[in-house]
Full PDB file with SEQRES, HELIX, SHEET, SSBOND, CRYST1, ORIGX, SCALE, CONECT and MASTER records, all heavy atoms in Angstrom:
SEQRES   1 A   40  ALA SER GLY ARG THR ALA SER THR ALA ILE MET GLY TRP          
SEQRES   2 A   40  PHE ARG GLN ALA PRO GLY LYS GLU ARG GLU PHE VAL ALA          
SEQRES   3 A   40  SER ILE SER TRP PHE THR GLY SER THR SER TYR ALA ASP          
SEQRES   4 A   40  SER                                                          
HELIX    1 AA1 THR A    5  SER A    7  5                                   3    
SHEET    1 AA1 3 ILE A  10  ARG A  15  0                                        
SHEET    2 AA1 3 GLU A  23  SER A  29 -1                                        
SHEET    3 AA1 3 THR A  35  TYR A  37 -1                                        
CRYST1    1.000    1.000    1.000  90.00  90.00  90.00 P 1           1          
ORIGX1      1.000000  0.000000  0.000000        0.00000                         
ORIGX2      0.000000  1.000000  0.000000        0.00000                         
ORIGX3      0.000000  0.000000  1.000000        0.00000                         
SCALE1      1.000000  0.000000  0.000000        0.00000                         
SCALE2      0.000000  1.000000  0.000000        0.00000                         
SCALE3      0.000000  0.000000  1.000000        0.00000                         
ATOM      1  N   ALA A   1     140.572 262.806 103.076  1.00  0.00           N  
ATOM      2  CA  ALA A   1     139.800 263.627 102.156  1.00  0.00           C  
ATOM      3  C   ALA A   1     140.436 264.995 101.999  1.00  0.00           C  
ATOM      4  O   ALA A   1     140.930 265.586 102.964  1.00  0.00           O  
ATOM      5  CB  ALA A   1     138.363 263.785 102.654  1.00  0.00           C  
ATOM      6  N   SER A   2     140.414 265.506 100.779  1.00  0.00           N  
ATOM      7  CA  SER A   2     140.932 266.838 100.510  1.00  0.00           C  
ATOM      8  C   SER A   2     140.098 267.490  99.415  1.00  0.00           C  
ATOM      9  O   SER A   2     139.262 266.847  98.788  1.00  0.00           O  
ATOM     10  CB  SER A   2     142.405 266.790 100.116  1.00  0.00           C  
ATOM     11  OG  SER A   2     142.596 266.020  98.944  1.00  0.00           O  
ATOM     12  N   GLY A   3     140.344 268.780  99.178  1.00  0.00           N  
ATOM     13  CA  GLY A   3     139.567 269.516  98.202  1.00  0.00           C  
ATOM     14  C   GLY A   3     138.377 270.201  98.844  1.00  0.00           C  
ATOM     15  O   GLY A   3     138.451 270.653  99.982  1.00  0.00           O  
ATOM     16  N   ARG A   4     137.263 270.252  98.123  1.00  0.00           N  
ATOM     17  CA  ARG A   4     136.064 270.946  98.596  1.00  0.00           C  
ATOM     18  C   ARG A   4     135.235 270.046  99.490  1.00  0.00           C  
ATOM     19  O   ARG A   4     134.093 269.706  99.181  1.00  0.00           O  
ATOM     20  CB  ARG A   4     135.255 271.441  97.411  1.00  0.00           C  
ATOM     21  CG  ARG A   4     135.971 272.501  96.587  1.00  0.00           C  
ATOM     22  CD  ARG A   4     135.068 273.075  95.526  1.00  0.00           C  
ATOM     23  NE  ARG A   4     135.722 274.140  94.785  1.00  0.00           N  
ATOM     24  CZ  ARG A   4     135.139 274.868  93.864  1.00  0.00           C  
ATOM     25  NH1 ARG A   4     133.872 274.652  93.550  1.00  0.00           N  
ATOM     26  NH2 ARG A   4     135.819 275.821  93.238  1.00  0.00           N  
ATOM     27  N   THR A   5     135.809 269.705 100.623  1.00  0.00           N  
ATOM     28  CA  THR A   5     135.153 268.774 101.530  1.00  0.00           C  
ATOM     29  C   THR A   5     133.922 269.364 102.196  1.00  0.00           C  
ATOM     30  O   THR A   5     133.082 268.619 102.707  1.00  0.00           O  
ATOM     31  CB  THR A   5     136.131 268.274 102.601  1.00  0.00           C  
ATOM     32  OG1 THR A   5     136.693 269.385 103.297  1.00  0.00           O  
ATOM     33  CG2 THR A   5     137.257 267.480 101.955  1.00  0.00           C  
ATOM     34  N   ALA A   6     133.789 270.688 102.197  1.00  0.00           N  
ATOM     35  CA  ALA A   6     132.610 271.318 102.783  1.00  0.00           C  
ATOM     36  C   ALA A   6     131.336 270.956 102.040  1.00  0.00           C  
ATOM     37  O   ALA A   6     130.238 271.113 102.577  1.00  0.00           O  
ATOM     38  CB  ALA A   6     132.783 272.831 102.821  1.00  0.00           C  
ATOM     39  N   SER A   7     131.461 270.477 100.827  1.00  0.00           N  
ATOM     40  CA  SER A   7     130.299 270.091 100.046  1.00  0.00           C  
ATOM     41  C   SER A   7     129.757 268.722 100.423  1.00  0.00           C  
ATOM     42  O   SER A   7     128.718 268.307  99.900  1.00  0.00           O  
ATOM     43  CB  SER A   7     130.628 270.112  98.552  1.00  0.00           C  
ATOM     44  OG  SER A   7     131.585 269.119  98.231  1.00  0.00           O  
ATOM     45  N   THR A   8     130.443 268.022 101.318  1.00  0.00           N  
ATOM     46  CA  THR A   8     130.024 266.683 101.711  1.00  0.00           C  
ATOM     47  C   THR A   8     129.801 266.628 103.216  1.00  0.00           C  
ATOM     48  O   THR A   8     130.628 267.090 103.992  1.00  0.00           O  
ATOM     49  CB  THR A   8     131.053 265.624 101.306  1.00  0.00           C  
ATOM     50  OG1 THR A   8     132.268 265.832 102.031  1.00  0.00           O  
ATOM     51  CG2 THR A   8     131.347 265.706  99.815  1.00  0.00           C  
ATOM     52  N   ALA A   9     128.686 266.073 103.616  1.00  0.00           N  
ATOM     53  CA  ALA A   9     128.348 265.917 105.028  1.00  0.00           C  
ATOM     54  C   ALA A   9     128.526 264.489 105.520  1.00  0.00           C  
ATOM     55  O   ALA A   9     128.577 264.259 106.728  1.00  0.00           O  
ATOM     56  CB  ALA A   9     126.915 266.366 105.284  1.00  0.00           C  
ATOM     57  N   ILE A  10     128.616 263.552 104.587  1.00  0.00           N  
ATOM     58  CA  ILE A  10     128.631 262.135 104.903  1.00  0.00           C  
ATOM     59  C   ILE A  10     129.873 261.489 104.309  1.00  0.00           C  
ATOM     60  O   ILE A  10     130.246 261.759 103.169  1.00  0.00           O  
ATOM     61  CB  ILE A  10     127.372 261.440 104.341  1.00  0.00           C  
ATOM     62  CG1 ILE A  10     126.099 262.121 104.866  1.00  0.00           C  
ATOM     63  CG2 ILE A  10     127.386 259.954 104.663  1.00  0.00           C  
ATOM     64  CD1 ILE A  10     125.921 262.032 106.357  1.00  0.00           C  
ATOM     65  N   MET A  11     130.491 260.614 105.079  1.00  0.00           N  
ATOM     66  CA  MET A  11     131.557 259.763 104.587  1.00  0.00           C  
ATOM     67  C   MET A  11     131.145 258.315 104.771  1.00  0.00           C  
ATOM     68  O   MET A  11     130.407 257.980 105.695  1.00  0.00           O  
ATOM     69  CB  MET A  11     132.859 260.029 105.328  1.00  0.00           C  
ATOM     70  CG  MET A  11     133.388 261.443 105.166  1.00  0.00           C  
ATOM     71  SD  MET A  11     133.981 261.762 103.478  1.00  0.00           S  
ATOM     72  CE  MET A  11     135.450 260.736 103.443  1.00  0.00           C  
ATOM     73  N   GLY A  12     131.642 257.470 103.889  1.00  0.00           N  
ATOM     74  CA  GLY A  12     131.254 256.075 103.995  1.00  0.00           C  
ATOM     75  C   GLY A  12     132.242 255.132 103.362  1.00  0.00           C  
ATOM     76  O   GLY A  12     133.243 255.543 102.767  1.00  0.00           O  
ATOM     77  N   TRP A  13     131.936 253.866 103.531  1.00  0.00           N  
ATOM     78  CA  TRP A  13     132.712 252.788 102.935  1.00  0.00           C  
ATOM     79  C   TRP A  13     131.780 251.826 102.220  1.00  0.00           C  
ATOM     80  O   TRP A  13     130.729 251.442 102.762  1.00  0.00           O  
ATOM     81  CB  TRP A  13     133.506 252.008 103.985  1.00  0.00           C  
ATOM     82  CG  TRP A  13     134.600 252.788 104.640  1.00  0.00           C  
ATOM     83  CD1 TRP A  13     134.526 253.523 105.780  1.00  0.00           C  
ATOM     84  CD2 TRP A  13     135.953 252.893 104.180  1.00  0.00           C  
ATOM     85  NE1 TRP A  13     135.741 254.085 106.069  1.00  0.00           N  
ATOM     86  CE2 TRP A  13     136.640 253.715 105.103  1.00  0.00           C  
ATOM     87  CE3 TRP A  13     136.651 252.375 103.088  1.00  0.00           C  
ATOM     88  CZ2 TRP A  13     137.989 254.032 104.963  1.00  0.00           C  
ATOM     89  CZ3 TRP A  13     137.985 252.686 102.948  1.00  0.00           C  
ATOM     90  CH2 TRP A  13     138.640 253.509 103.876  1.00  0.00           C  
ATOM     91  N   PHE A  14     132.153 251.458 101.011  1.00  0.00           N  
ATOM     92  CA  PHE A  14     131.532 250.380 100.265  1.00  0.00           C  
ATOM     93  C   PHE A  14     132.588 249.330  99.969  1.00  0.00           C  
ATOM     94  O   PHE A  14     133.783 249.592 100.085  1.00  0.00           O  
ATOM     95  CB  PHE A  14     130.940 250.888  98.946  1.00  0.00           C  
ATOM     96  CG  PHE A  14     129.612 251.587  99.076  1.00  0.00           C  
ATOM     97  CD1 PHE A  14     129.508 252.806  99.713  1.00  0.00           C  
ATOM     98  CD2 PHE A  14     128.468 251.025  98.525  1.00  0.00           C  
ATOM     99  CE1 PHE A  14     128.290 253.458  99.814  1.00  0.00           C  
ATOM    100  CE2 PHE A  14     127.244 251.672  98.611  1.00  0.00           C  
ATOM    101  CZ  PHE A  14     127.147 252.878  99.259  1.00  0.00           C  
ATOM    102  N   ARG A  15     132.149 248.158  99.566  1.00  0.00           N  
ATOM    103  CA  ARG A  15     133.094 247.131  99.155  1.00  0.00           C  
ATOM    104  C   ARG A  15     132.542 246.359  97.968  1.00  0.00           C  
ATOM    105  O   ARG A  15     131.333 246.283  97.768  1.00  0.00           O  
ATOM    106  CB  ARG A  15     133.425 246.179 100.302  1.00  0.00           C  
ATOM    107  CG  ARG A  15     132.261 245.323 100.771  1.00  0.00           C  
ATOM    108  CD  ARG A  15     132.647 244.527 102.008  1.00  0.00           C  
ATOM    109  NE  ARG A  15     131.580 243.647 102.449  1.00  0.00           N  
ATOM    110  CZ  ARG A  15     131.616 242.929 103.565  1.00  0.00           C  
ATOM    111  NH1 ARG A  15     132.681 242.991 104.360  1.00  0.00           N  
ATOM    112  NH2 ARG A  15     130.603 242.148 103.895  1.00  0.00           N  
ATOM    113  N   GLN A  16     133.449 245.780  97.202  1.00  0.00           N  
ATOM    114  CA  GLN A  16     133.061 244.982  96.051  1.00  0.00           C  
ATOM    115  C   GLN A  16     133.944 243.745  95.983  1.00  0.00           C  
ATOM    116  O   GLN A  16     135.155 243.845  95.819  1.00  0.00           O  
ATOM    117  CB  GLN A  16     133.170 245.784  94.761  1.00  0.00           C  
ATOM    118  CG  GLN A  16     132.606 245.058  93.551  1.00  0.00           C  
ATOM    119  CD  GLN A  16     132.432 245.968  92.354  1.00  0.00           C  
ATOM    120  OE1 GLN A  16     133.090 247.003  92.246  1.00  0.00           O  
ATOM    121  NE2 GLN A  16     131.536 245.602  91.457  1.00  0.00           N  
ATOM    122  N   ALA A  17     133.313 242.596  96.108  1.00  0.00           N  
ATOM    123  CA  ALA A  17     133.999 241.319  95.997  1.00  0.00           C  
ATOM    124  C   ALA A  17     133.988 240.861  94.547  1.00  0.00           C  
ATOM    125  O   ALA A  17     133.140 241.289  93.756  1.00  0.00           O  
ATOM    126  CB  ALA A  17     133.326 240.281  96.891  1.00  0.00           C  
ATOM    127  N   PRO A  18     134.905 239.975  94.174  1.00  0.00           N  
ATOM    128  CA  PRO A  18     134.936 239.486  92.790  1.00  0.00           C  
ATOM    129  C   PRO A  18     133.603 238.889  92.368  1.00  0.00           C  
ATOM    130  O   PRO A  18     133.032 238.053  93.077  1.00  0.00           O  
ATOM    131  CB  PRO A  18     136.029 238.426  92.822  1.00  0.00           C  
ATOM    132  CG  PRO A  18     136.924 238.848  93.943  1.00  0.00           C  
ATOM    133  CD  PRO A  18     136.004 239.418  94.979  1.00  0.00           C  
ATOM    134  N   GLY A  19     133.107 239.326  91.224  1.00  0.00           N  
ATOM    135  CA  GLY A  19     131.860 238.818  90.695  1.00  0.00           C  
ATOM    136  C   GLY A  19     130.609 239.310  91.392  1.00  0.00           C  
ATOM    137  O   GLY A  19     129.513 238.838  91.080  1.00  0.00           O  
ATOM    138  N   LYS A  20     130.754 240.251  92.324  1.00  0.00           N  
ATOM    139  CA  LYS A  20     129.618 240.747  93.092  1.00  0.00           C  
ATOM    140  C   LYS A  20     129.389 242.229  92.832  1.00  0.00           C  
ATOM    141  O   LYS A  20     130.266 242.933  92.339  1.00  0.00           O  
ATOM    142  CB  LYS A  20     129.843 240.525  94.593  1.00  0.00           C  
ATOM    143  CG  LYS A  20     130.149 239.097  94.986  1.00  0.00           C  
ATOM    144  CD  LYS A  20     128.965 238.185  94.753  1.00  0.00           C  
ATOM    145  CE  LYS A  20     129.266 236.777  95.244  1.00  0.00           C  
ATOM    146  NZ  LYS A  20     128.137 235.853  94.983  1.00  0.00           N  
ATOM    147  N   GLU A  21     128.200 242.686  93.175  1.00  0.00           N  
ATOM    148  CA  GLU A  21     127.894 244.103  93.095  1.00  0.00           C  
ATOM    149  C   GLU A  21     128.537 244.841  94.262  1.00  0.00           C  
ATOM    150  O   GLU A  21     128.792 244.269  95.323  1.00  0.00           O  
ATOM    151  CB  GLU A  21     126.388 244.321  93.114  1.00  0.00           C  
ATOM    152  CG  GLU A  21     125.639 243.673  91.963  1.00  0.00           C  
ATOM    153  CD  GLU A  21     126.014 244.276  90.634  1.00  0.00           C  
ATOM    154  OE1 GLU A  21     126.230 245.500  90.565  1.00  0.00           O  
ATOM    155  OE2 GLU A  21     126.083 243.520  89.652  1.00  0.00           O  
ATOM    156  N   ARG A  22     128.775 246.116  94.058  1.00  0.00           N  
ATOM    157  CA  ARG A  22     129.283 246.935  95.140  1.00  0.00           C  
ATOM    158  C   ARG A  22     128.221 247.062  96.228  1.00  0.00           C  
ATOM    159  O   ARG A  22     127.047 247.311  95.934  1.00  0.00           O  
ATOM    160  CB  ARG A  22     129.683 248.315  94.616  1.00  0.00           C  
ATOM    161  CG  ARG A  22     130.393 249.177  95.636  1.00  0.00           C  
ATOM    162  CD  ARG A  22     130.897 250.479  95.031  1.00  0.00           C  
ATOM    163  NE  ARG A  22     131.888 250.246  93.993  1.00  0.00           N  
ATOM    164  CZ  ARG A  22     132.622 251.203  93.442  1.00  0.00           C  
ATOM    165  NH1 ARG A  22     132.477 252.471  93.845  1.00  0.00           N  
ATOM    166  NH2 ARG A  22     133.489 250.899  92.497  1.00  0.00           N  
ATOM    167  N   GLU A  23     128.622 246.888  97.482  1.00  0.00           N  
ATOM    168  CA  GLU A  23     127.672 246.925  98.575  1.00  0.00           C  
ATOM    169  C   GLU A  23     128.097 247.905  99.660  1.00  0.00           C  
ATOM    170  O   GLU A  23     129.281 248.105  99.919  1.00  0.00           O  
ATOM    171  CB  GLU A  23     127.478 245.530  99.181  1.00  0.00           C  
ATOM    172  CG  GLU A  23     128.705 244.971  99.867  1.00  0.00           C  
ATOM    173  CD  GLU A  23     128.430 243.659 100.586  1.00  0.00           C  
ATOM    174  OE1 GLU A  23     127.249 243.323 100.816  1.00  0.00           O  
ATOM    175  OE2 GLU A  23     129.413 242.961 100.927  1.00  0.00           O  
ATOM    176  N   PHE A  24     127.100 248.468 100.300  1.00  0.00           N  
ATOM    177  CA  PHE A  24     127.305 249.399 101.399  1.00  0.00           C  
ATOM    178  C   PHE A  24     127.884 248.687 102.606  1.00  0.00           C  
ATOM    179  O   PHE A  24     127.465 247.578 102.940  1.00  0.00           O  
ATOM    180  CB  PHE A  24     125.966 250.046 101.760  1.00  0.00           C  
ATOM    181  CG  PHE A  24     125.991 250.865 103.014  1.00  0.00           C  
ATOM    182  CD1 PHE A  24     126.504 252.146 103.016  1.00  0.00           C  
ATOM    183  CD2 PHE A  24     125.486 250.346 104.192  1.00  0.00           C  
ATOM    184  CE1 PHE A  24     126.521 252.914 104.169  1.00  0.00           C  
ATOM    185  CE2 PHE A  24     125.494 251.097 105.353  1.00  0.00           C  
ATOM    186  CZ  PHE A  24     126.018 252.382 105.339  1.00  0.00           C  
ATOM    187  N   VAL A  25     128.829 249.343 103.279  1.00  0.00           N  
ATOM    188  CA  VAL A  25     129.418 248.816 104.504  1.00  0.00           C  
ATOM    189  C   VAL A  25     129.056 249.682 105.709  1.00  0.00           C  
ATOM    190  O   VAL A  25     128.519 249.190 106.693  1.00  0.00           O  
ATOM    191  CB  VAL A  25     130.948 248.703 104.385  1.00  0.00           C  
ATOM    192  CG1 VAL A  25     131.555 248.235 105.704  1.00  0.00           C  
ATOM    193  CG2 VAL A  25     131.325 247.741 103.259  1.00  0.00           C  
ATOM    194  N   ALA A  26     129.364 250.974 105.629  1.00  0.00           N  
ATOM    195  CA  ALA A  26     129.128 251.866 106.761  1.00  0.00           C  
ATOM    196  C   ALA A  26     129.169 253.305 106.302  1.00  0.00           C  
ATOM    197  O   ALA A  26     129.785 253.635 105.280  1.00  0.00           O  
ATOM    198  CB  ALA A  26     130.170 251.640 107.860  1.00  0.00           C  
ATOM    199  N   SER A  27     128.531 254.196 107.062  1.00  0.00           N  
ATOM    200  CA  SER A  27     128.619 255.625 106.811  1.00  0.00           C  
ATOM    201  C   SER A  27     128.629 256.371 108.130  1.00  0.00           C  
ATOM    202  O   SER A  27     128.242 255.841 109.174  1.00  0.00           O  
ATOM    203  CB  SER A  27     127.476 256.124 105.914  1.00  0.00           C  
ATOM    204  OG  SER A  27     126.220 256.045 106.577  1.00  0.00           O  
ATOM    205  N   ILE A  28     129.076 257.627 108.063  1.00  0.00           N  
ATOM    206  CA  ILE A  28     129.149 258.472 109.251  1.00  0.00           C  
ATOM    207  C   ILE A  28     128.950 259.920 108.852  1.00  0.00           C  
ATOM    208  O   ILE A  28     129.375 260.343 107.773  1.00  0.00           O  
ATOM    209  CB  ILE A  28     130.497 258.270 109.989  1.00  0.00           C  
ATOM    210  CG1 ILE A  28     130.497 258.989 111.338  1.00  0.00           C  
ATOM    211  CG2 ILE A  28     131.670 258.730 109.121  1.00  0.00           C  
ATOM    212  CD1 ILE A  28     131.661 258.591 112.239  1.00  0.00           C  
ATOM    213  N   SER A  29     128.312 260.686 109.728  1.00  0.00           N  
ATOM    214  CA  SER A  29     128.158 262.120 109.525  1.00  0.00           C  
ATOM    215  C   SER A  29     129.358 262.857 110.095  1.00  0.00           C  
ATOM    216  O   SER A  29     129.760 262.614 111.239  1.00  0.00           O  
ATOM    217  CB  SER A  29     126.877 262.613 110.207  1.00  0.00           C  
ATOM    218  OG  SER A  29     126.847 264.031 110.264  1.00  0.00           O  
ATOM    219  N   TRP A  30     129.913 263.765 109.314  1.00  0.00           N  
ATOM    220  CA  TRP A  30     131.015 264.593 109.814  1.00  0.00           C  
ATOM    221  C   TRP A  30     130.619 265.365 111.066  1.00  0.00           C  
ATOM    222  O   TRP A  30     131.423 265.533 111.983  1.00  0.00           O  
ATOM    223  CB  TRP A  30     131.444 265.612 108.759  1.00  0.00           C  
ATOM    224  CG  TRP A  30     132.335 265.134 107.668  1.00  0.00           C  
ATOM    225  CD1 TRP A  30     132.040 265.094 106.344  1.00  0.00           C  
ATOM    226  CD2 TRP A  30     133.674 264.659 107.789  1.00  0.00           C  
ATOM    227  NE1 TRP A  30     133.109 264.627 105.617  1.00  0.00           N  
ATOM    228  CE2 TRP A  30     134.130 264.348 106.494  1.00  0.00           C  
ATOM    229  CE3 TRP A  30     134.545 264.462 108.875  1.00  0.00           C  
ATOM    230  CZ2 TRP A  30     135.409 263.852 106.247  1.00  0.00           C  
ATOM    231  CZ3 TRP A  30     135.810 263.953 108.630  1.00  0.00           C  
ATOM    232  CH2 TRP A  30     136.230 263.665 107.336  1.00  0.00           C  
ATOM    233  N   PHE A  31     129.374 265.817 111.099  1.00  0.00           N  
ATOM    234  CA  PHE A  31     128.979 266.802 112.094  1.00  0.00           C  
ATOM    235  C   PHE A  31     128.338 266.202 113.340  1.00  0.00           C  
ATOM    236  O   PHE A  31     128.566 266.704 114.444  1.00  0.00           O  
ATOM    237  CB  PHE A  31     128.043 267.824 111.449  1.00  0.00           C  
ATOM    238  CG  PHE A  31     128.638 268.476 110.244  1.00  0.00           C  
ATOM    239  CD1 PHE A  31     128.248 268.107 108.967  1.00  0.00           C  
ATOM    240  CD2 PHE A  31     129.604 269.447 110.383  1.00  0.00           C  
ATOM    241  CE1 PHE A  31     128.818 268.702 107.847  1.00  0.00           C  
ATOM    242  CE2 PHE A  31     130.181 270.044 109.275  1.00  0.00           C  
ATOM    243  CZ  PHE A  31     129.783 269.669 108.007  1.00  0.00           C  
ATOM    244  N   THR A  32     127.568 265.166 113.186  1.00  0.00           N  
ATOM    245  CA  THR A  32     126.891 264.556 114.328  1.00  0.00           C  
ATOM    246  C   THR A  32     127.549 263.268 114.791  1.00  0.00           C  
ATOM    247  O   THR A  32     127.320 262.836 115.926  1.00  0.00           O  
ATOM    248  CB  THR A  32     125.423 264.262 114.005  1.00  0.00           C  
ATOM    249  OG1 THR A  32     125.339 263.197 113.057  1.00  0.00           O  
ATOM    250  CG2 THR A  32     124.737 265.509 113.459  1.00  0.00           C  
ATOM    251  N   GLY A  33     128.333 262.637 113.933  1.00  0.00           N  
ATOM    252  CA  GLY A  33     128.907 261.349 114.261  1.00  0.00           C  
ATOM    253  C   GLY A  33     127.949 260.187 114.135  1.00  0.00           C  
ATOM    254  O   GLY A  33     128.320 259.054 114.460  1.00  0.00           O  
ATOM    255  N   SER A  34     126.749 260.444 113.679  1.00  0.00           N  
ATOM    256  CA  SER A  34     125.764 259.381 113.510  1.00  0.00           C  
ATOM    257  C   SER A  34     126.264 258.361 112.495  1.00  0.00           C  
ATOM    258  O   SER A  34     126.794 258.724 111.448  1.00  0.00           O  
ATOM    259  CB  SER A  34     124.435 259.970 113.049  1.00  0.00           C  
ATOM    260  OG  SER A  34     123.467 258.960 112.861  1.00  0.00           O  
ATOM    261  N   THR A  35     126.085 257.084 112.807  1.00  0.00           N  
ATOM    262  CA  THR A  35     126.622 256.014 111.969  1.00  0.00           C  
ATOM    263  C   THR A  35     125.530 255.092 111.465  1.00  0.00           C  
ATOM    264  O   THR A  35     124.446 254.983 112.041  1.00  0.00           O  
ATOM    265  CB  THR A  35     127.654 255.184 112.735  1.00  0.00           C  
ATOM    266  OG1 THR A  35     127.047 254.624 113.906  1.00  0.00           O  
ATOM    267  CG2 THR A  35     128.841 256.042 113.143  1.00  0.00           C  
ATOM    268  N   SER A  36     125.858 254.416 110.382  1.00  0.00           N  
ATOM    269  CA  SER A  36     124.993 253.394 109.820  1.00  0.00           C  
ATOM    270  C   SER A  36     125.869 252.237 109.368  1.00  0.00           C  
ATOM    271  O   SER A  36     126.962 252.458 108.836  1.00  0.00           O  
ATOM    272  CB  SER A  36     124.199 253.960 108.642  1.00  0.00           C  
ATOM    273  OG  SER A  36     123.331 252.992 108.092  1.00  0.00           O  
ATOM    274  N   TYR A  37     125.402 251.005 109.580  1.00  0.00           N  
ATOM    275  CA  TYR A  37     126.174 249.820 109.227  1.00  0.00           C  
ATOM    276  C   TYR A  37     125.324 248.809 108.482  1.00  0.00           C  
ATOM    277  O   TYR A  37     124.129 248.657 108.758  1.00  0.00           O  
ATOM    278  CB  TYR A  37     126.718 249.123 110.475  1.00  0.00           C  
ATOM    279  CG  TYR A  37     127.732 249.920 111.249  1.00  0.00           C  
ATOM    280  CD1 TYR A  37     127.351 250.703 112.337  1.00  0.00           C  
ATOM    281  CD2 TYR A  37     129.074 249.882 110.907  1.00  0.00           C  
ATOM    282  CE1 TYR A  37     128.281 251.424 113.056  1.00  0.00           C  
ATOM    283  CE2 TYR A  37     130.011 250.607 111.624  1.00  0.00           C  
ATOM    284  CZ  TYR A  37     129.613 251.380 112.699  1.00  0.00           C  
ATOM    285  OH  TYR A  37     130.541 252.103 113.416  1.00  0.00           O  
ATOM    286  N   ALA A  38     125.973 248.104 107.574  1.00  0.00           N  
ATOM    287  CA  ALA A  38     125.339 246.938 106.984  1.00  0.00           C  
ATOM    288  C   ALA A  38     125.199 245.848 108.039  1.00  0.00           C  
ATOM    289  O   ALA A  38     126.051 245.699 108.923  1.00  0.00           O  
ATOM    290  CB  ALA A  38     126.164 246.421 105.811  1.00  0.00           C  
ATOM    291  N   ASP A  39     124.133 245.071 107.949  1.00  0.00           N  
ATOM    292  CA  ASP A  39     123.923 243.997 108.912  1.00  0.00           C  
ATOM    293  C   ASP A  39     125.092 243.013 108.940  1.00  0.00           C  
ATOM    294  O   ASP A  39     125.411 242.449 109.992  1.00  0.00           O  
ATOM    295  CB  ASP A  39     122.637 243.245 108.588  1.00  0.00           C  
ATOM    296  CG  ASP A  39     121.391 244.046 108.900  1.00  0.00           C  
ATOM    297  OD1 ASP A  39     121.474 245.038 109.650  1.00  0.00           O  
ATOM    298  OD2 ASP A  39     120.312 243.668 108.398  1.00  0.00           O  
ATOM    299  N   SER A  40     125.732 242.811 107.809  1.00  0.00           N  
ATOM    300  CA  SER A  40     126.797 241.832 107.713  1.00  0.00           C  
ATOM    301  C   SER A  40     128.045 242.215 108.499  1.00  0.00           C  
ATOM    302  O   SER A  40     128.880 241.350 108.786  1.00  0.00           O  
ATOM    303  CB  SER A  40     127.169 241.601 106.245  1.00  0.00           C  
ATOM    304  OG  SER A  40     127.586 242.806 105.639  1.00  0.00           O  
TER     305      SER A  40                                                      
MASTER        0    0    0    1    3    0    0    6  304    1    0    4          
END                                                                             
């Protein structure tokens, strides 16, 4: 990440398979390290 990164507190990953909607995979807080994951 570069630029005005101070404006963002959360980073994450999504994915999109062919013919499917984009889905959440995982996220993390820059400051606390707290994470969230898709069940899959």
